[in-house]
């Protein structure tokens, strides 16, 4: 059996601002509204569905696989957005198991950004 991620809900204070931030950082198509969600479609067709939440948003972690050229473009955009975290390349230590074998081989990178 094979399964692909269709979507995940990301709880934030301002769904439109958070979606716009990810769109800008990853150079994606603009977010679209679908009910209470700001939907951002990723390259593999999975969707990040940003939802406003009352109170404090739940913390999450998202890693995006990108090629090295895109990784450098993202790194250059970060200072202009006020992001608190910087992108890091995914690496695997010798003898460890990597969930992203392509990244461990150095063909791709991941980026972590804090959304508004």
Protein backbone atom coordinates (compact mmCIF):
# COMPACT_ATOMS: atom_id res chain seq x y z
CA UNK A 1 0.00 0.00 0.00
CA UNK A 2 1.17 3.51 -0.77
CA UNK A 3 -0.03 6.76 0.78
CA UNK A 4 0.72 10.38 0.00
CA UNK A 5 0.05 13.35 2.24
CA UNK A 6 -2.99 15.28 0.98
CA UNK A 7 -3.06 18.14 3.48
CA UNK A 8 -2.27 19.21 7.01
CA UNK A 9 -3.92 21.93 9.06
CA UNK A 10 -1.59 24.58 10.46
CA UNK A 11 -3.08 26.56 13.36
CA UNK A 12 -1.89 30.19 13.38
CA UNK A 13 -2.97 33.60 14.66
CA UNK A 14 -3.53 35.01 11.16
CA UNK A 15 -4.09 32.45 8.40
CA UNK A 16 -3.65 34.90 5.54
CA UNK A 17 -0.39 36.37 6.88
CA UNK A 18 1.04 32.91 7.62
CA UNK A 19 0.07 31.55 4.21
CA UNK A 20 1.53 34.62 2.48
CA UNK A 21 4.78 34.15 4.41
CA UNK A 22 5.18 30.54 3.25
CA UNK A 23 4.20 31.46 -0.31
CA UNK A 24 6.85 34.19 -0.36
CA UNK A 25 9.58 32.05 1.23
CA UNK A 26 9.05 29.05 -1.04
CA UNK A 27 8.05 31.03 -4.16
CA UNK A 28 4.71 29.21 -4.48
CA UNK A 29 1.41 30.13 -6.11
CA UNK A 30 -0.72 32.49 -3.97
CA UNK A 31 -2.90 30.94 -1.30
CA UNK A 32 -6.57 30.39 -1.99
CA UNK A 33 -9.44 30.54 0.48
CA UNK A 34 -11.49 27.43 1.15
CA UNK A 35 -13.96 27.87 3.98
CA UNK A 36 -12.01 28.82 7.12
CA UNK A 37 -8.64 27.93 5.54
CA UNK A 38 -5.97 29.71 3.50
CA UNK A 39 -4.74 26.88 1.30
CA UNK A 40 -1.16 26.71 0.02
CA UNK A 41 -0.45 23.96 -2.50
CA UNK A 42 3.06 22.52 -2.47
CA UNK A 43 4.91 21.15 -5.48
CA UNK A 44 3.97 17.55 -4.64
CA UNK A 45 0.29 18.60 -4.56
CA UNK A 46 0.03 18.34 -0.76
CA UNK A 47 -1.72 21.32 0.85
CA UNK A 48 -0.90 23.38 3.92
CA UNK A 49 -4.31 24.53 5.20
CA UNK A 50 -3.75 27.54 7.46
CA UNK A 51 -6.50 28.07 10.04
CA UNK A 52 -7.00 30.90 12.51
CA UNK A 53 -6.98 29.67 16.07
CA UNK A 54 -8.18 31.27 19.26
CA UNK A 55 -5.50 31.67 21.87
CA UNK A 56 -1.99 30.44 21.37
CA UNK A 57 -1.29 28.51 18.15
CA UNK A 58 0.02 24.98 18.46
CA UNK A 59 3.67 24.60 17.73
CA UNK A 60 4.62 22.55 14.68
CA UNK A 61 7.59 21.66 12.54
CA UNK A 62 7.61 21.53 8.77
CA UNK A 63 10.60 20.58 6.64
CA UNK A 64 10.52 21.26 2.91
CA UNK A 65 12.72 19.44 0.44
CA UNK A 66 14.13 21.83 -2.12
CA UNK A 67 17.03 21.66 -4.54
CA UNK A 68 20.27 23.48 -3.64
CA UNK A 69 19.61 26.50 -5.90
CA UNK A 70 16.13 27.02 -4.40
CA UNK A 71 17.62 26.56 -0.92
CA UNK A 72 20.01 29.47 -1.49
CA UNK A 73 17.18 31.66 -2.83
CA UNK A 74 15.14 30.93 0.32
CA UNK A 75 18.15 31.70 2.51
CA UNK A 76 18.52 35.09 0.79
CA UNK A 77 14.81 35.95 1.29
CA UNK A 78 14.75 35.18 5.02
CA UNK A 79 16.26 38.43 6.37
CA UNK A 80 13.61 40.51 4.59
CA UNK A 81 10.71 38.63 6.19
CA UNK A 82 11.62 38.92 9.86
CA UNK A 83 11.86 35.14 10.27
CA UNK A 84 13.41 34.05 13.52
CA UNK A 85 14.97 30.85 12.22
CA UNK A 86 17.41 30.22 9.46
CA UNK A 87 17.39 27.42 6.91
CA UNK A 88 19.62 24.44 7.46
CA UNK A 89 20.73 21.71 5.14
CA UNK A 90 19.51 18.26 6.09
CA UNK A 91 22.36 15.94 6.90
CA UNK A 92 22.69 12.48 8.33
CA UNK A 93 25.39 11.47 10.79
CA UNK A 94 27.40 8.39 9.96
CA UNK A 95 25.53 5.33 11.15
CA UNK A 96 22.22 7.14 11.61
CA UNK A 97 18.98 6.63 9.76
CA UNK A 98 17.81 9.50 7.62
CA UNK A 99 14.14 10.03 6.80
CA UNK A 100 15.22 12.02 3.77
CA UNK A 101 17.87 9.98 1.96
CA UNK A 102 18.15 12.48 -0.91
CA UNK A 103 18.84 15.26 1.57
CA UNK A 104 21.44 13.13 3.31
CA UNK A 105 23.16 12.62 -0.02
CA UNK A 106 23.34 16.38 -0.43
CA UNK A 107 21.06 16.67 -3.43
CA UNK A 108 18.42 18.67 -1.58
CA UNK A 109 18.08 20.90 1.43
CA UNK A 110 15.38 21.64 3.97
CA UNK A 111 14.27 24.92 5.36
CA UNK A 112 12.59 25.72 8.63
CA UNK A 113 10.83 29.02 9.02
CA UNK A 114 8.68 30.48 11.74
CA UNK A 115 5.35 31.65 10.41
CA UNK A 116 3.45 34.66 11.75
